[in-house]
Amino acid sequence: MKTPNDIIAVTIIEDNHFLRQGWRSLLEAQNDMIVLEDYENCELALASESIGQSNVILMDIGLPGMSGVEGVSRLLKKYPSLNIIMCTVFDDDDHVFDAICSGAVGYLLKKTPPQELVAAIREAVRGGSPMTERIARKVIRSFHRPSQRSSEANPDALTAREQEVLEKLAEGNSYATIADALGISLNSVRSYIRHIYDKLQVHSKTEAVSKGLKQRIIRPPR
């Protein structure tokens, strides 16, 4: 018998009514899933009081009003533990990379077969990063390209130690955990992070990690 902890709570954010209802029917037919809500845009989702109870969010990128990429950032800022899977018609590099840098854990095309979509949701809950093979190849190729710094970033490059600290931040480690892992003091960690913020011209951990990934300063967490 399934307990509440075994049930995967899903929220859908998709402006196509027929696709939204199709996904709802598919997921509610699974014995380990429930659809909490479905929304046609990010604004409605952000105003919801129940969305934070979701285990997984299926989100389109090309939404009316606020884009899915911005929606990912806003939702994760409010509910950091959400697993957000982008499910869209786009498979170009910019959309893929922007979505991942914003915090999405997976990226699927809307034409993904139903059972692969269901499997992707289960994989995301287990800590995986579900992607179609074609998109996974695009992501891998993007990290094989030479690093190109954005003109908006400070020209001073991060030191090797600063890169290590930023990579640990990207993995979700606390300051104390980073200090233990690198064998340095907590004050040193704080100092490195201040330098990282100054060099990248950012004001938060989320912004630093996003810019570090987007500019290929660090590798995505495994």
N, C-alpha and C. Protein backbone atom coordinates (compact mmCIF):
# COMPACT_ATOMS: atom_id res chain seq x y z
N MET A 1 0.84 -1.20 0.00
CA MET A 1 0.00 0.00 0.00
C MET A 1 0.87 1.25 0.00
N LYS A 2 0.55 2.20 -0.88
CA LYS A 2 1.32 3.42 -0.98
C LYS A 2 1.01 4.36 0.18
N THR A 3 2.06 4.93 0.76
CA THR A 3 1.89 5.93 1.81
C THR A 3 2.03 7.30 1.18
N PRO A 4 1.61 8.37 1.87
CA PRO A 4 1.76 9.72 1.31
C PRO A 4 3.18 10.05 0.90
N ASN A 5 4.18 9.50 1.62
CA ASN A 5 5.57 9.78 1.29
C ASN A 5 6.01 9.10 -0.01
N ASP A 6 5.26 8.09 -0.45
CA ASP A 6 5.59 7.39 -1.68
C ASP A 6 4.99 8.09 -2.90
N ILE A 7 4.05 8.96 -2.70
CA ILE A 7 3.35 9.61 -3.80
C ILE A 7 4.13 10.83 -4.27
N ILE A 8 4.30 10.92 -5.58
CA ILE A 8 4.99 12.06 -6.20
C ILE A 8 3.96 13.11 -6.56
N ALA A 9 4.08 14.28 -5.94
CA ALA A 9 3.14 15.38 -6.21
C ALA A 9 3.69 16.24 -7.34
N VAL A 10 2.89 16.38 -8.40
CA VAL A 10 3.34 17.10 -9.60
C VAL A 10 2.45 18.32 -9.84
N THR A 11 3.08 19.40 -10.27
CA THR A 11 2.35 20.59 -10.73
C THR A 11 2.73 20.84 -12.18
N ILE A 12 1.75 21.21 -12.98
CA ILE A 12 1.96 21.43 -14.42
C ILE A 12 1.79 22.92 -14.72
N ILE A 13 2.75 23.49 -15.45
CA ILE A 13 2.64 24.88 -15.92
C ILE A 13 2.81 24.86 -17.43
N GLU A 14 1.71 24.98 -18.14
CA GLU A 14 1.68 24.84 -19.61
C GLU A 14 0.47 25.61 -20.14
N ASP A 15 0.69 26.45 -21.16
CA ASP A 15 -0.41 27.29 -21.64
C ASP A 15 -1.34 26.59 -22.63
N ASN A 16 -0.89 25.45 -23.19
CA ASN A 16 -1.74 24.70 -24.11
C ASN A 16 -2.72 23.83 -23.29
N HIS A 17 -3.98 24.18 -23.34
CA HIS A 17 -4.98 23.51 -22.52
C HIS A 17 -5.04 22.01 -22.78
N PHE A 18 -5.00 21.62 -24.05
CA PHE A 18 -5.14 20.20 -24.39
C PHE A 18 -3.93 19.39 -23.93
N LEU A 19 -2.74 19.96 -24.10
CA LEU A 19 -1.54 19.28 -23.63
C LEU A 19 -1.53 19.20 -22.11
N ARG A 20 -1.93 20.27 -21.46
CA ARG A 20 -1.98 20.31 -19.99
C ARG A 20 -2.90 19.22 -19.46
N GLN A 21 -4.08 19.09 -20.07
CA GLN A 21 -5.02 18.07 -19.62
C GLN A 21 -4.55 16.66 -19.98
N GLY A 22 -3.83 16.55 -21.10
CA GLY A 22 -3.27 15.25 -21.47
C GLY A 22 -2.23 14.78 -20.47
N TRP A 23 -1.37 15.69 -20.06
CA TRP A 23 -0.37 15.35 -19.05
C TRP A 23 -1.04 14.98 -17.73
N ARG A 24 -2.05 15.75 -17.35
CA ARG A 24 -2.76 15.47 -16.10
C ARG A 24 -3.35 14.06 -16.12
N SER A 25 -4.00 13.71 -17.21
CA SER A 25 -4.62 12.38 -17.32
C SER A 25 -3.56 11.29 -17.25
N LEU A 26 -2.44 11.50 -17.96
CA LEU A 26 -1.35 10.52 -17.96
C LEU A 26 -0.80 10.30 -16.55
N LEU A 27 -0.52 11.39 -15.85
CA LEU A 27 0.13 11.27 -14.54
C LEU A 27 -0.82 10.74 -13.48
N GLU A 28 -2.08 11.14 -13.55
CA GLU A 28 -3.03 10.66 -12.55
C GLU A 28 -3.38 9.19 -12.74
N ALA A 29 -3.01 8.64 -13.91
CA ALA A 29 -3.22 7.22 -14.14
C ALA A 29 -2.12 6.37 -13.50
N GLN A 30 -1.05 7.03 -13.02
CA GLN A 30 0.05 6.31 -12.37
C GLN A 30 -0.29 6.11 -10.89
N ASN A 31 0.04 4.95 -10.35
CA ASN A 31 -0.33 4.68 -8.96
C ASN A 31 0.59 5.34 -7.94
N ASP A 32 1.66 6.01 -8.42
CA ASP A 32 2.57 6.68 -7.49
C ASP A 32 2.62 8.19 -7.71
N MET A 33 1.63 8.73 -8.44
CA MET A 33 1.65 10.16 -8.74
C MET A 33 0.29 10.81 -8.53
N ILE A 34 0.34 12.10 -8.22
CA ILE A 34 -0.87 12.89 -8.12
C ILE A 34 -0.56 14.28 -8.68
N VAL A 35 -1.48 14.86 -9.41
CA VAL A 35 -1.31 16.22 -9.92
C VAL A 35 -1.99 17.18 -8.95
N LEU A 36 -1.19 18.02 -8.31
CA LEU A 36 -1.75 18.97 -7.35
C LEU A 36 -2.58 20.04 -8.04
N GLU A 37 -1.97 20.67 -9.05
CA GLU A 37 -2.62 21.75 -9.78
C GLU A 37 -2.04 21.82 -11.18
N ASP A 38 -2.75 22.52 -12.07
CA ASP A 38 -2.16 22.87 -13.36
C ASP A 38 -2.48 24.33 -13.66
N TYR A 39 -1.50 25.02 -14.24
CA TYR A 39 -1.62 26.45 -14.50
C TYR A 39 -1.24 26.76 -15.94
N GLU A 40 -1.79 27.85 -16.45
CA GLU A 40 -1.49 28.24 -17.83
C GLU A 40 -0.35 29.26 -17.91
N ASN A 41 0.12 29.76 -16.77
CA ASN A 41 1.25 30.68 -16.78
C ASN A 41 1.95 30.67 -15.42
N CYS A 42 3.15 31.27 -15.40
CA CYS A 42 3.94 31.29 -14.17
C CYS A 42 3.34 32.21 -13.11
N GLU A 43 2.71 33.29 -13.54
CA GLU A 43 2.15 34.23 -12.59
C GLU A 43 1.14 33.55 -11.68
N LEU A 44 0.27 32.73 -12.26
CA LEU A 44 -0.72 32.01 -11.46
C LEU A 44 -0.05 31.00 -10.54
N ALA A 45 0.98 30.33 -11.05
CA ALA A 45 1.68 29.34 -10.23
C ALA A 45 2.36 29.99 -9.04
N LEU A 46 3.01 31.13 -9.26
CA LEU A 46 3.71 31.81 -8.18
C LEU A 46 2.75 32.32 -7.11
N ALA A 47 1.53 32.60 -7.51
CA ALA A 47 0.53 33.09 -6.55
C ALA A 47 -0.11 31.96 -5.76
N SER A 48 0.13 30.71 -6.17
CA SER A 48 -0.49 29.56 -5.51
C SER A 48 0.14 29.29 -4.14
N GLU A 49 -0.68 28.86 -3.21
CA GLU A 49 -0.18 28.49 -1.88
C GLU A 49 0.22 27.03 -1.80
N SER A 50 -0.16 26.24 -2.82
CA SER A 50 0.11 24.80 -2.76
C SER A 50 1.32 24.36 -3.58
N ILE A 51 1.86 25.25 -4.43
CA ILE A 51 2.91 24.81 -5.34
C ILE A 51 4.17 24.37 -4.61
N GLY A 52 4.41 24.93 -3.43
CA GLY A 52 5.57 24.52 -2.65
C GLY A 52 5.50 23.09 -2.14
N GLN A 53 4.32 22.47 -2.21
CA GLN A 53 4.16 21.08 -1.80
C GLN A 53 4.50 20.10 -2.91
N SER A 54 4.84 20.63 -4.09
CA SER A 54 5.14 19.78 -5.24
C SER A 54 6.50 19.12 -5.09
N ASN A 55 6.61 17.89 -5.58
CA ASN A 55 7.91 17.24 -5.72
C ASN A 55 8.54 17.59 -7.06
N VAL A 56 7.69 17.66 -8.08
CA VAL A 56 8.17 17.93 -9.44
C VAL A 56 7.23 18.93 -10.11
N ILE A 57 7.83 19.83 -10.90
CA ILE A 57 7.04 20.74 -11.73
C ILE A 57 7.41 20.52 -13.18
N LEU A 58 6.41 20.30 -14.00
CA LEU A 58 6.59 20.26 -15.46
C LEU A 58 6.28 21.65 -15.98
N MET A 59 7.25 22.27 -16.64
CA MET A 59 7.05 23.65 -17.06
C MET A 59 7.46 23.88 -18.51
N ASP A 60 6.61 24.61 -19.22
CA ASP A 60 6.93 25.04 -20.57
C ASP A 60 7.85 26.24 -20.50
N ILE A 61 8.63 26.48 -21.57
CA ILE A 61 9.47 27.68 -21.62
C ILE A 61 8.72 28.83 -22.26
N GLY A 62 8.05 28.56 -23.39
CA GLY A 62 7.40 29.63 -24.15
C GLY A 62 6.03 29.98 -23.60
N LEU A 63 5.99 30.47 -22.38
CA LEU A 63 4.72 30.80 -21.74
C LEU A 63 4.33 32.25 -21.99
N PRO A 64 3.05 32.57 -21.97
CA PRO A 64 2.63 33.96 -22.09
C PRO A 64 3.02 34.72 -20.83
N GLY A 65 3.41 35.98 -20.98
CA GLY A 65 3.84 36.75 -19.81
C GLY A 65 5.24 36.34 -19.42
N MET A 66 5.43 35.98 -18.17
CA MET A 66 6.74 35.57 -17.68
C MET A 66 7.21 34.29 -18.37
N SER A 67 8.44 34.28 -18.86
CA SER A 67 8.96 33.09 -19.53
C SER A 67 9.22 31.98 -18.54
N GLY A 68 9.31 30.76 -19.06
CA GLY A 68 9.60 29.63 -18.19
C GLY A 68 10.96 29.75 -17.54
N VAL A 69 11.95 30.30 -18.26
CA VAL A 69 13.30 30.46 -17.69
C VAL A 69 13.26 31.38 -16.48
N GLU A 70 12.56 32.51 -16.60
CA GLU A 70 12.43 33.41 -15.45
C GLU A 70 11.61 32.75 -14.34
N GLY A 71 10.59 31.98 -14.76
CA GLY A 71 9.76 31.29 -13.79
C GLY A 71 10.53 30.31 -12.94
N VAL A 72 11.49 29.61 -13.56
CA VAL A 72 12.33 28.66 -12.81
C VAL A 72 13.06 29.40 -11.69
N SER A 73 13.70 30.51 -12.05
CA SER A 73 14.45 31.27 -11.05
C SER A 73 13.57 31.76 -9.91
N ARG A 74 12.40 32.28 -10.26
CA ARG A 74 11.49 32.83 -9.25
C ARG A 74 10.97 31.72 -8.33
N LEU A 75 10.61 30.59 -8.91
CA LEU A 75 10.08 29.49 -8.10
C LEU A 75 11.14 28.91 -7.17
N LEU A 76 12.36 28.74 -7.68
CA LEU A 76 13.42 28.16 -6.87
C LEU A 76 13.88 29.12 -5.78
N LYS A 77 13.77 30.40 -6.03
CA LYS A 77 14.11 31.37 -5.00
C LYS A 77 13.13 31.25 -3.83
N LYS A 78 11.87 30.96 -4.16
CA LYS A 78 10.83 30.84 -3.14
C LYS A 78 10.79 29.44 -2.54
N TYR A 79 11.03 28.41 -3.41
CA TYR A 79 10.98 27.01 -2.95
C TYR A 79 12.21 26.27 -3.48
N PRO A 80 13.35 26.36 -2.82
CA PRO A 80 14.61 25.82 -3.34
C PRO A 80 14.62 24.32 -3.58
N SER A 81 13.73 23.56 -2.93
CA SER A 81 13.77 22.10 -3.05
C SER A 81 12.98 21.56 -4.24
N LEU A 82 12.34 22.43 -5.01
CA LEU A 82 11.54 21.97 -6.15
C LEU A 82 12.42 21.33 -7.22
N ASN A 83 11.91 20.28 -7.85
CA ASN A 83 12.55 19.68 -9.02
C ASN A 83 11.76 20.15 -10.25
N ILE A 84 12.37 20.96 -11.08
CA ILE A 84 11.66 21.52 -12.23
C ILE A 84 12.19 20.92 -13.52
N ILE A 85 11.29 20.32 -14.28
CA ILE A 85 11.63 19.75 -15.59
C ILE A 85 11.01 20.64 -16.66
N MET A 86 11.85 21.15 -17.56
CA MET A 86 11.35 21.93 -18.68
C MET A 86 10.88 20.95 -19.76
N CYS A 87 9.70 21.17 -20.26
CA CYS A 87 9.14 20.28 -21.29
C CYS A 87 8.59 21.18 -22.38
N THR A 88 9.28 21.25 -23.51
CA THR A 88 9.00 22.28 -24.49
C THR A 88 9.32 21.85 -25.91
N VAL A 89 8.93 22.67 -26.87
CA VAL A 89 9.22 22.36 -28.27
C VAL A 89 10.63 22.77 -28.65
N PHE A 90 11.28 23.61 -27.84
CA PHE A 90 12.60 24.12 -28.16
C PHE A 90 13.69 23.11 -27.85
N ASP A 91 14.68 22.99 -28.74
CA ASP A 91 15.85 22.17 -28.40
C ASP A 91 17.14 22.86 -28.84
N ASP A 92 17.09 24.20 -29.02
CA ASP A 92 18.31 24.91 -29.39
C ASP A 92 19.16 25.16 -28.15
N ASP A 93 20.45 25.40 -28.37
CA ASP A 93 21.40 25.50 -27.27
C ASP A 93 21.06 26.59 -26.26
N ASP A 94 20.63 27.76 -26.74
CA ASP A 94 20.37 28.87 -25.83
C ASP A 94 19.27 28.54 -24.83
N HIS A 95 18.16 27.97 -25.33
CA HIS A 95 17.06 27.62 -24.44
C HIS A 95 17.48 26.53 -23.45
N VAL A 96 18.20 25.53 -23.95
CA VAL A 96 18.66 24.46 -23.07
C VAL A 96 19.54 25.02 -21.97
N PHE A 97 20.54 25.79 -22.36
CA PHE A 97 21.51 26.28 -21.40
C PHE A 97 20.90 27.27 -20.42
N ASP A 98 20.05 28.17 -20.93
CA ASP A 98 19.39 29.14 -20.04
C ASP A 98 18.54 28.44 -18.99
N ALA A 99 17.81 27.40 -19.41
CA ALA A 99 16.95 26.68 -18.47
C ALA A 99 17.76 25.98 -17.40
N ILE A 100 18.86 25.35 -17.78
CA ILE A 100 19.70 24.64 -16.83
C ILE A 100 20.37 25.61 -15.87
N CYS A 101 20.87 26.74 -16.40
CA CYS A 101 21.51 27.74 -15.55
C CYS A 101 20.52 28.34 -14.57
N SER A 102 19.26 28.38 -14.95
CA SER A 102 18.24 28.93 -14.06
C SER A 102 17.87 27.97 -12.95
N GLY A 103 18.27 26.71 -13.08
CA GLY A 103 18.04 25.76 -12.01
C GLY A 103 17.19 24.55 -12.36
N ALA A 104 16.77 24.42 -13.62
CA ALA A 104 15.99 23.24 -14.02
C ALA A 104 16.84 21.97 -13.86
N VAL A 105 16.21 20.88 -13.41
CA VAL A 105 16.95 19.63 -13.23
C VAL A 105 16.85 18.72 -14.45
N GLY A 106 15.94 19.04 -15.37
CA GLY A 106 15.77 18.21 -16.56
C GLY A 106 15.20 19.01 -17.70
N TYR A 107 15.30 18.45 -18.90
CA TYR A 107 14.86 19.17 -20.09
C TYR A 107 14.38 18.14 -21.12
N LEU A 108 13.08 18.15 -21.41
CA LEU A 108 12.49 17.19 -22.34
C LEU A 108 11.72 17.91 -23.43
N LEU A 109 11.66 17.31 -24.59
CA LEU A 109 10.83 17.84 -25.66
C LEU A 109 9.39 17.40 -25.44
N LYS A 110 8.45 18.23 -25.91
CA LYS A 110 7.03 17.91 -25.72
C LYS A 110 6.62 16.63 -26.45
N LYS A 111 7.39 16.26 -27.46
CA LYS A 111 7.06 15.03 -28.20
C LYS A 111 7.64 13.78 -27.52
N THR A 112 8.23 13.95 -26.32
CA THR A 112 8.73 12.81 -25.57
C THR A 112 7.59 11.81 -25.34
N PRO A 113 7.79 10.52 -25.62
CA PRO A 113 6.73 9.53 -25.41
C PRO A 113 6.22 9.54 -23.97
N PRO A 114 4.94 9.28 -23.77
CA PRO A 114 4.32 9.36 -22.44
C PRO A 114 5.07 8.61 -21.34
N GLN A 115 5.46 7.37 -21.60
CA GLN A 115 6.12 6.60 -20.55
C GLN A 115 7.52 7.12 -20.23
N GLU A 116 8.17 7.76 -21.22
CA GLU A 116 9.46 8.39 -20.95
C GLU A 116 9.28 9.62 -20.07
N LEU A 117 8.18 10.33 -20.27
CA LEU A 117 7.87 11.49 -19.44
C LEU A 117 7.64 11.04 -17.99
N VAL A 118 6.88 9.97 -17.82
CA VAL A 118 6.62 9.43 -16.48
C VAL A 118 7.93 8.99 -15.83
N ALA A 119 8.78 8.30 -16.60
CA ALA A 119 10.06 7.84 -16.06
C ALA A 119 10.96 9.02 -15.68
N ALA A 120 10.89 10.10 -16.46
CA ALA A 120 11.70 11.28 -16.17
C ALA A 120 11.31 11.91 -14.84
N ILE A 121 10.03 11.94 -14.56
CA ILE A 121 9.56 12.50 -13.28
C ILE A 121 10.09 11.66 -12.12
N ARG A 122 10.02 10.36 -12.24
CA ARG A 122 10.54 9.49 -11.18
C ARG A 122 12.05 9.67 -11.02
N GLU A 123 12.75 9.82 -12.14
CA GLU A 123 14.20 10.01 -12.10
C GLU A 123 14.56 11.31 -11.38
N ALA A 124 13.80 12.37 -11.67
CA ALA A 124 14.07 13.67 -11.04
C ALA A 124 13.91 13.59 -9.53
N VAL A 125 12.89 12.86 -9.07
CA VAL A 125 12.66 12.71 -7.63
C VAL A 125 13.80 11.94 -6.98
N ARG A 126 14.39 11.02 -7.72
CA ARG A 126 15.52 10.23 -7.19
C ARG A 126 16.84 11.00 -7.22
N GLY A 127 16.81 12.23 -7.74
CA GLY A 127 18.02 13.04 -7.77
C GLY A 127 18.70 13.08 -9.13
N GLY A 128 18.06 12.50 -10.16
CA GLY A 128 18.64 12.50 -11.49
C GLY A 128 18.32 13.76 -12.28
N SER A 129 18.89 13.83 -13.48
CA SER A 129 18.65 14.97 -14.38
C SER A 129 18.19 14.44 -15.73
N PRO A 130 16.90 14.16 -15.85
CA PRO A 130 16.39 13.55 -17.08
C PRO A 130 16.46 14.48 -18.28
N MET A 131 17.00 13.96 -19.38
CA MET A 131 17.07 14.70 -20.64
C MET A 131 16.94 13.71 -21.78
N THR A 132 16.37 14.17 -22.89
CA THR A 132 16.36 13.34 -24.08
C THR A 132 17.80 13.22 -24.58
N GLU A 133 18.10 12.18 -25.34
CA GLU A 133 19.47 11.97 -25.81
C GLU A 133 19.96 13.15 -26.64
N ARG A 134 19.09 13.69 -27.48
CA ARG A 134 19.50 14.79 -28.35
C ARG A 134 19.88 16.02 -27.52
N ILE A 135 19.10 16.32 -26.52
CA ILE A 135 19.38 17.48 -25.68
C ILE A 135 20.62 17.23 -24.83
N ALA A 136 20.79 16.02 -24.30
CA ALA A 136 21.98 15.70 -23.51
C ALA A 136 23.24 15.92 -24.33
N ARG A 137 23.21 15.54 -25.61
CA ARG A 137 24.36 15.76 -26.48
C ARG A 137 24.66 17.24 -26.64
N LYS A 138 23.59 18.04 -26.79
CA LYS A 138 23.77 19.49 -26.93
C LYS A 138 24.43 20.07 -25.68
N VAL A 139 23.97 19.61 -24.51
CA VAL A 139 24.54 20.13 -23.27
C VAL A 139 26.01 19.75 -23.16
N ILE A 140 26.33 18.50 -23.47
CA ILE A 140 27.72 18.04 -23.40
C ILE A 140 28.60 18.83 -24.37
N ARG A 141 28.12 19.03 -25.62
CA ARG A 141 28.89 19.79 -26.60
C ARG A 141 29.14 21.22 -26.13
N SER A 142 28.13 21.80 -25.45
CA SER A 142 28.28 23.19 -25.02
C SER A 142 29.41 23.35 -24.02
N PHE A 143 29.70 22.30 -23.23
CA PHE A 143 30.76 22.38 -22.24
C PHE A 143 32.12 21.99 -22.82
N HIS A 144 32.14 21.56 -24.08
CA HIS A 144 33.40 21.25 -24.74
C HIS A 144 33.96 22.47 -25.46
N ARG A 145 33.16 23.52 -25.58
CA ARG A 145 33.61 24.72 -26.27
C ARG A 145 34.57 25.51 -25.39
N PRO A 146 35.47 26.28 -26.01
CA PRO A 146 36.36 27.13 -25.23
C PRO A 146 35.57 28.12 -24.40
N SER A 147 36.10 28.43 -23.21
CA SER A 147 35.42 29.39 -22.34
C SER A 147 35.38 30.76 -22.97
N GLN A 148 34.19 31.39 -22.91
CA GLN A 148 34.01 32.73 -23.44
C GLN A 148 33.40 33.58 -22.35
N ARG A 149 34.13 34.57 -21.87
CA ARG A 149 33.64 35.41 -20.81
C ARG A 149 32.71 36.47 -21.37
N SER A 150 31.63 36.71 -20.72
CA SER A 150 30.71 37.77 -21.09
C SER A 150 31.34 39.12 -20.81
N SER A 151 31.08 40.11 -21.65
CA SER A 151 31.66 41.43 -21.49
C SER A 151 31.14 42.11 -20.23
N GLU A 152 30.00 41.60 -19.68
CA GLU A 152 29.44 42.25 -18.51
C GLU A 152 30.12 41.82 -17.22
N ALA A 153 30.98 40.76 -17.29
CA ALA A 153 31.65 40.28 -16.10
C ALA A 153 32.94 41.04 -15.86
N ASN A 154 33.40 41.06 -14.61
CA ASN A 154 34.67 41.66 -14.27
C ASN A 154 35.77 40.90 -14.98
N PRO A 155 36.72 41.58 -15.62
CA PRO A 155 37.77 40.89 -16.39
C PRO A 155 38.72 40.09 -15.51
N ASP A 156 38.76 40.36 -14.20
CA ASP A 156 39.63 39.58 -13.32
C ASP A 156 39.14 38.15 -13.23
N ALA A 157 39.98 37.21 -13.60
CA ALA A 157 39.59 35.80 -13.58
C ALA A 157 39.56 35.27 -12.15
N LEU A 158 38.70 34.28 -11.91
CA LEU A 158 38.67 33.64 -10.61
C LEU A 158 39.93 32.81 -10.43
N THR A 159 40.45 32.78 -9.22
CA THR A 159 41.58 31.92 -8.93
C THR A 159 41.10 30.47 -8.87
N ALA A 160 42.06 29.56 -8.86
CA ALA A 160 41.71 28.13 -8.80
C ALA A 160 40.91 27.83 -7.54
N ARG A 161 41.30 28.43 -6.42
CA ARG A 161 40.58 28.20 -5.17
C ARG A 161 39.17 28.77 -5.23
N GLU A 162 39.03 29.96 -5.81
CA GLU A 162 37.71 30.57 -5.95
C GLU A 162 36.80 29.71 -6.83
N GLN A 163 37.37 29.12 -7.87
CA GLN A 163 36.58 28.21 -8.71
C GLN A 163 36.14 26.99 -7.91
N GLU A 164 37.03 26.47 -7.07
CA GLU A 164 36.66 25.33 -6.23
C GLU A 164 35.49 25.68 -5.31
N VAL A 165 35.58 26.86 -4.69
CA VAL A 165 34.52 27.29 -3.79
C VAL A 165 33.21 27.45 -4.55
N LEU A 166 33.27 28.04 -5.75
CA LEU A 166 32.05 28.25 -6.54
C LEU A 166 31.45 26.91 -6.97
N GLU A 167 32.30 25.95 -7.30
CA GLU A 167 31.80 24.62 -7.67
C GLU A 167 31.10 23.96 -6.48
N LYS A 168 31.67 24.14 -5.28
CA LYS A 168 31.03 23.59 -4.09
C LYS A 168 29.68 24.26 -3.83
N LEU A 169 29.60 25.57 -4.08
CA LEU A 169 28.32 26.26 -3.95
C LEU A 169 27.31 25.69 -4.94
N ALA A 170 27.76 25.44 -6.17
CA ALA A 170 26.86 24.91 -7.20
C ALA A 170 26.32 23.54 -6.82
N GLU A 171 27.09 22.80 -6.03
CA GLU A 171 26.65 21.47 -5.58
C GLU A 171 25.68 21.55 -4.40
N GLY A 172 25.45 22.78 -3.91
CA GLY A 172 24.50 22.96 -2.82
C GLY A 172 25.09 22.86 -1.43
N ASN A 173 26.42 22.91 -1.33
CA ASN A 173 27.07 22.79 -0.02
C ASN A 173 26.94 24.07 0.81
N SER A 174 26.87 23.91 2.11
CA SER A 174 26.87 25.06 3.02
C SER A 174 28.29 25.60 3.16
N TYR A 175 28.42 26.80 3.73
CA TYR A 175 29.75 27.38 3.95
C TYR A 175 30.59 26.45 4.83
N ALA A 176 29.98 25.91 5.88
CA ALA A 176 30.71 25.04 6.79
C ALA A 176 31.20 23.77 6.09
N THR A 177 30.34 23.20 5.23
CA THR A 177 30.72 21.99 4.50
C THR A 177 31.85 22.28 3.53
N ILE A 178 31.81 23.44 2.89
CA ILE A 178 32.88 23.83 1.96
C ILE A 178 34.20 23.96 2.72
N ALA A 179 34.13 24.60 3.89
CA ALA A 179 35.34 24.77 4.70
C ALA A 179 35.96 23.42 5.05
N ASP A 180 35.13 22.46 5.47
CA ASP A 180 35.62 21.13 5.82
C ASP A 180 36.20 20.41 4.60
N ALA A 181 35.50 20.51 3.47
CA ALA A 181 35.92 19.79 2.27
C ALA A 181 37.26 20.32 1.73
N LEU A 182 37.47 21.63 1.83
CA LEU A 182 38.68 22.23 1.28
C LEU A 182 39.78 22.44 2.33
N GLY A 183 39.47 22.13 3.60
CA GLY A 183 40.46 22.26 4.65
C GLY A 183 40.83 23.70 4.96
N ILE A 184 39.85 24.58 4.91
CA ILE A 184 40.08 26.00 5.19
C ILE A 184 39.09 26.46 6.25
N SER A 185 39.30 27.67 6.76
CA SER A 185 38.42 28.17 7.80
C SER A 185 37.12 28.71 7.21
N LEU A 186 36.11 28.84 8.06
CA LEU A 186 34.84 29.40 7.63
C LEU A 186 35.01 30.84 7.18
N ASN A 187 35.86 31.59 7.86
CA ASN A 187 36.11 32.97 7.45
C ASN A 187 36.76 33.04 6.08
N SER A 188 37.62 32.07 5.79
CA SER A 188 38.25 32.03 4.46
C SER A 188 37.20 31.79 3.38
N VAL A 189 36.26 30.89 3.67
CA VAL A 189 35.19 30.62 2.71
C VAL A 189 34.42 31.90 2.43
N ARG A 190 34.06 32.62 3.50
CA ARG A 190 33.31 33.87 3.33
C ARG A 190 34.11 34.88 2.51
N SER A 191 35.41 34.94 2.74
CA SER A 191 36.27 35.86 2.01
C SER A 191 36.32 35.51 0.52
N TYR A 192 36.48 34.20 0.23
CA TYR A 192 36.50 33.77 -1.16
C TYR A 192 35.18 34.11 -1.86
N ILE A 193 34.08 33.90 -1.15
CA ILE A 193 32.77 34.16 -1.75
C ILE A 193 32.58 35.65 -2.02
N ARG A 194 33.07 36.50 -1.11
CA ARG A 194 33.01 37.95 -1.38
C ARG A 194 33.79 38.31 -2.63
N HIS A 195 34.96 37.71 -2.80
CA HIS A 195 35.77 37.97 -3.99
C HIS A 195 35.07 37.48 -5.25
N ILE A 196 34.43 36.32 -5.15
CA ILE A 196 33.69 35.77 -6.29
C ILE A 196 32.57 36.72 -6.70
N TYR A 197 31.81 37.19 -5.71
CA TYR A 197 30.71 38.12 -5.99
C TYR A 197 31.24 39.38 -6.67
N ASP A 198 32.37 39.91 -6.16
CA ASP A 198 32.94 41.14 -6.73
C ASP A 198 33.38 40.93 -8.18
N LYS A 199 34.05 39.82 -8.44
CA LYS A 199 34.58 39.56 -9.78
C LYS A 199 33.48 39.27 -10.79
N LEU A 200 32.44 38.57 -10.35
CA LEU A 200 31.35 38.23 -11.26
C LEU A 200 30.27 39.31 -11.29
N GLN A 201 30.39 40.29 -10.41
CA GLN A 201 29.42 41.38 -10.32
C GLN A 201 28.01 40.84 -10.04
N VAL A 202 27.92 40.02 -8.99
CA VAL A 202 26.65 39.44 -8.58
C VAL A 202 26.44 39.73 -7.09
N HIS A 203 25.25 39.41 -6.59
CA HIS A 203 24.91 39.73 -5.21
C HIS A 203 24.33 38.55 -4.43
N SER A 204 24.32 37.37 -5.03
CA SER A 204 23.77 36.21 -4.33
C SER A 204 24.42 34.94 -4.84
N LYS A 205 24.25 33.87 -4.06
CA LYS A 205 24.79 32.56 -4.45
C LYS A 205 24.17 32.09 -5.76
N THR A 206 22.84 32.26 -5.89
CA THR A 206 22.16 31.82 -7.10
C THR A 206 22.70 32.52 -8.33
N GLU A 207 22.90 33.83 -8.23
CA GLU A 207 23.44 34.59 -9.36
C GLU A 207 24.86 34.15 -9.68
N ALA A 208 25.67 33.92 -8.65
CA ALA A 208 27.06 33.51 -8.86
C ALA A 208 27.14 32.17 -9.56
N VAL A 209 26.35 31.20 -9.09
CA VAL A 209 26.36 29.87 -9.70
C VAL A 209 25.84 29.94 -11.14
N SER A 210 24.76 30.69 -11.35
CA SER A 210 24.18 30.81 -12.69
C SER A 210 25.19 31.40 -13.66
N LYS A 211 25.86 32.49 -13.24
CA LYS A 211 26.84 33.13 -14.13
C LYS A 211 28.06 32.24 -14.32
N GLY A 212 28.47 31.54 -13.26
CA GLY A 212 29.61 30.64 -13.38
C GLY A 212 29.36 29.52 -14.37
N LEU A 213 28.15 28.98 -14.37
CA LEU A 213 27.79 27.93 -15.33
C LEU A 213 27.65 28.49 -16.73
N LYS A 214 26.98 29.61 -16.85
CA LYS A 214 26.69 30.16 -18.17
C LYS A 214 27.96 30.59 -18.89
N GLN A 215 28.94 31.07 -18.12
CA GLN A 215 30.19 31.53 -18.72
C GLN A 215 31.26 30.43 -18.75
N ARG A 216 30.86 29.20 -18.41
CA ARG A 216 31.76 28.03 -18.44
C ARG A 216 32.95 28.19 -17.50
N ILE A 217 32.75 28.97 -16.41
CA ILE A 217 33.81 29.10 -15.42
C ILE A 217 33.91 27.83 -14.59
N ILE A 218 32.74 27.22 -14.32
CA ILE A 218 32.69 25.96 -13.58
C ILE A 218 31.87 24.96 -14.37
N ARG A 219 32.04 23.71 -14.03
CA ARG A 219 31.26 22.65 -14.66
C ARG A 219 29.97 22.44 -13.91
N PRO A 220 28.90 21.97 -14.59
CA PRO A 220 27.65 21.71 -13.88
C PRO A 220 27.84 20.61 -12.85
N PRO A 221 27.17 20.68 -11.69
CA PRO A 221 27.32 19.65 -10.67
C PRO A 221 26.87 18.30 -11.18
N ARG A 222 27.56 17.24 -10.75
CA ARG A 222 27.22 15.88 -11.20
C ARG A 222 26.20 15.27 -10.27
